[in-house]
N, C-alpha and C. Protein backbone atom coordinates (compact mmCIF):
# COMPACT_ATOMS: atom_id res chain seq x y z
N MET A 1 -46.92 34.97 -124.90
CA MET A 1 -46.89 33.91 -124.28
C MET A 1 -48.14 33.56 -123.41
N LEU A 2 -49.39 34.22 -123.79
CA LEU A 2 -50.57 33.83 -123.14
C LEU A 2 -51.25 32.93 -123.99
N TRP A 3 -50.22 32.63 -125.43
CA TRP A 3 -51.31 31.61 -126.54
C TRP A 3 -50.83 30.47 -125.40
N LEU A 4 -50.14 30.23 -124.90
CA LEU A 4 -49.51 29.21 -124.36
C LEU A 4 -50.22 28.48 -123.35
N ALA A 5 -51.40 29.45 -122.58
CA ALA A 5 -52.44 29.21 -121.49
C ALA A 5 -53.75 28.82 -121.90
N ASP A 6 -53.75 28.86 -123.39
CA ASP A 6 -54.97 28.91 -123.61
C ASP A 6 -55.97 27.59 -123.51
N THR A 7 -55.31 26.32 -123.36
CA THR A 7 -56.02 24.99 -123.00
C THR A 7 -55.11 24.28 -122.04
N ASP A 8 -55.66 23.62 -121.36
CA ASP A 8 -54.92 22.24 -120.40
C ASP A 8 -54.14 21.84 -121.02
N ALA A 9 -54.40 21.70 -122.08
CA ALA A 9 -53.63 20.57 -123.46
C ALA A 9 -52.59 21.39 -123.38
N GLU A 10 -52.35 22.54 -124.28
CA GLU A 10 -51.41 23.46 -124.13
C GLU A 10 -50.57 23.20 -122.98
N ALA A 11 -51.43 23.65 -121.92
CA ALA A 11 -50.38 24.02 -120.77
C ALA A 11 -49.72 22.68 -120.72
N ASP A 12 -49.88 21.70 -120.71
CA ASP A 12 -49.90 20.40 -120.21
C ASP A 12 -48.40 20.12 -121.05
N SER A 13 -48.64 20.43 -122.30
CA SER A 13 -47.00 20.26 -123.43
C SER A 13 -46.19 20.99 -122.91
N LEU A 14 -46.11 21.91 -122.30
CA LEU A 14 -45.19 22.99 -122.21
C LEU A 14 -44.08 22.43 -120.46
N ALA A 15 -44.91 21.37 -119.84
CA ALA A 15 -44.55 20.95 -118.20
C ALA A 15 -44.09 19.34 -118.52
N ASP A 16 -43.86 19.25 -117.25
CA ASP A 16 -43.53 17.85 -116.94
C ASP A 16 -44.92 17.61 -116.27
N THR A 17 -45.39 17.86 -115.25
CA THR A 17 -46.47 17.58 -114.40
C THR A 17 -47.40 18.61 -114.68
N ASP A 18 -48.98 18.05 -114.44
CA ASP A 18 -49.86 18.90 -114.07
C ASP A 18 -50.07 20.39 -113.26
N ALA A 19 -49.23 20.24 -112.17
CA ALA A 19 -48.67 21.06 -111.12
C ALA A 19 -48.01 22.18 -111.99
N GLU A 20 -46.64 21.82 -112.58
CA GLU A 20 -45.94 22.64 -113.59
C GLU A 20 -46.87 23.63 -114.72
N ALA A 21 -47.93 22.66 -115.51
CA ALA A 21 -48.59 23.24 -116.26
C ALA A 21 -49.31 23.96 -115.40
N ASP A 22 -50.25 23.93 -114.23
CA ASP A 22 -50.75 24.84 -113.58
C ASP A 22 -50.47 26.35 -113.53
N SER A 23 -48.92 26.12 -113.08
CA SER A 23 -47.88 27.40 -112.66
C SER A 23 -47.73 28.08 -113.81
N LEU A 24 -47.51 27.91 -115.16
CA LEU A 24 -47.51 28.41 -116.37
C LEU A 24 -48.74 28.83 -116.84
N ALA A 25 -49.66 28.76 -116.48
CA ALA A 25 -50.77 29.13 -116.75
C ALA A 25 -52.18 30.30 -115.79
N ASP A 26 -51.28 30.19 -114.78
CA ASP A 26 -52.20 30.78 -113.98
C ASP A 26 -52.44 32.82 -114.01
N THR A 27 -51.39 33.23 -114.18
CA THR A 27 -51.55 34.70 -114.20
C THR A 27 -51.03 35.25 -115.36
N ASP A 28 -51.01 36.67 -115.65
CA ASP A 28 -50.19 37.11 -117.08
C ASP A 28 -49.01 37.41 -116.44
N ALA A 29 -49.20 37.73 -115.10
CA ALA A 29 -47.49 38.16 -114.76
C ALA A 29 -46.47 36.83 -114.60
N GLU A 30 -47.32 35.78 -114.40
CA GLU A 30 -45.98 34.38 -114.44
C GLU A 30 -46.29 34.29 -116.15
N ALA A 31 -46.61 34.86 -117.28
CA ALA A 31 -46.40 34.23 -118.61
C ALA A 31 -45.44 35.43 -118.93
N ASP A 32 -45.66 36.22 -118.40
CA ASP A 32 -44.43 37.55 -118.63
C ASP A 32 -43.21 36.86 -118.03
N TRP A 33 -43.29 36.41 -116.65
CA TRP A 33 -41.87 35.79 -116.42
C TRP A 33 -40.85 34.91 -116.88
N LEU A 34 -42.11 34.14 -117.69
CA LEU A 34 -41.45 32.76 -118.39
C LEU A 34 -40.63 33.08 -119.75
N ALA A 35 -41.45 34.34 -120.03
CA ALA A 35 -40.49 35.06 -121.65
C ALA A 35 -39.26 35.89 -121.57
N ASP A 36 -38.96 36.21 -120.40
CA ASP A 36 -37.97 37.12 -119.97
C ASP A 36 -36.39 36.86 -120.89
N THR A 37 -36.50 35.69 -120.70
CA THR A 37 -34.59 35.65 -120.97
C THR A 37 -35.18 34.28 -121.96
N ASP A 38 -34.04 33.94 -122.98
CA ASP A 38 -33.88 32.95 -123.52
C ASP A 38 -33.76 31.62 -122.78
N ALA A 39 -32.82 31.96 -122.00
CA ALA A 39 -31.86 30.95 -121.23
C ALA A 39 -33.64 30.31 -120.30
N GLU A 40 -34.38 31.22 -119.99
CA GLU A 40 -35.56 30.77 -118.88
C GLU A 40 -36.72 30.00 -120.02
N ALA A 41 -36.73 30.42 -121.20
CA ALA A 41 -37.51 29.88 -122.34
C ALA A 41 -36.68 28.50 -122.48
N LEU A 42 -35.60 28.35 -122.53
CA LEU A 42 -34.50 26.89 -122.64
C LEU A 42 -35.41 25.75 -121.31
N TRP A 43 -34.87 26.31 -120.44
CA TRP A 43 -35.33 26.04 -119.08
C TRP A 43 -37.07 24.93 -119.01
N LEU A 44 -37.55 25.96 -119.93
CA LEU A 44 -38.99 25.51 -119.55
C LEU A 44 -39.70 24.44 -120.81
N ALA A 45 -38.37 23.88 -121.75
CA ALA A 45 -38.31 23.32 -122.88
C ALA A 45 -37.27 21.84 -122.80
N ASP A 46 -38.08 20.54 -123.42
CA ASP A 46 -37.03 19.60 -123.23
C ASP A 46 -35.97 19.64 -124.44
N THR A 47 -36.36 20.69 -125.41
CA THR A 47 -36.08 20.33 -126.57
C THR A 47 -35.37 21.93 -127.08
N ASP A 48 -34.45 22.00 -127.84
CA ASP A 48 -34.38 23.30 -128.65
C ASP A 48 -35.72 23.59 -129.42
N ALA A 49 -35.85 22.77 -129.69
CA ALA A 49 -37.16 22.73 -130.90
C ALA A 49 -38.43 23.51 -130.20
N GLU A 50 -38.62 22.40 -129.04
CA GLU A 50 -39.75 23.02 -128.27
C GLU A 50 -39.66 24.61 -127.77
N ALA A 51 -38.05 24.88 -127.13
CA ALA A 51 -37.81 26.38 -126.74
C ALA A 51 -38.28 26.94 -128.00
N ASP A 52 -38.41 27.11 -129.17
CA ASP A 52 -38.47 27.84 -130.18
C ASP A 52 -39.62 28.00 -130.56
N SER A 53 -40.80 27.28 -130.01
CA SER A 53 -41.98 27.34 -129.64
C SER A 53 -42.86 28.40 -128.58
N LEU A 54 -41.44 28.73 -128.01
CA LEU A 54 -41.94 29.63 -126.86
C LEU A 54 -41.65 30.85 -126.96
N ALA A 55 -42.45 31.93 -126.43
CA ALA A 55 -42.21 33.20 -126.65
C ALA A 55 -40.64 33.42 -125.82
N LEU A 56 -39.66 34.17 -127.11
CA LEU A 56 -38.30 34.78 -126.50
C LEU A 56 -37.95 35.95 -126.01
N THR A 57 -39.11 36.82 -126.64
CA THR A 57 -38.82 38.14 -126.48
C THR A 57 -40.33 39.03 -125.70
N ASP A 58 -40.12 39.91 -125.08
CA ASP A 58 -41.22 40.27 -124.19
C ASP A 58 -42.38 40.82 -124.90
N ALA A 59 -42.00 41.48 -126.71
CA ALA A 59 -43.17 41.81 -127.77
C ALA A 59 -43.76 40.68 -127.94
N GLU A 60 -43.44 39.70 -127.66
CA GLU A 60 -44.27 38.43 -128.25
C GLU A 60 -45.44 37.73 -126.43
N VAL A 61 -45.06 38.28 -125.79
CA VAL A 61 -46.03 38.35 -124.66
C VAL A 61 -46.87 38.77 -124.72
N ASP A 62 -46.74 40.17 -125.37
CA ASP A 62 -47.70 40.86 -125.29
C ASP A 62 -48.35 40.73 -126.86
């Protein structure tokens, strides 16, 4: 999941607002929380296709 925070542009693409993007990229702990469940990943994305690009397992976070 950490790859999601590599650039501001990548973070922006995940979130509806810059503020939400900031919250996605702030810490490793937050990145771990984002990937805990499929349901949380779906909540982050606007479409199922976008959700598929998010880390859906702890293994992918590591």
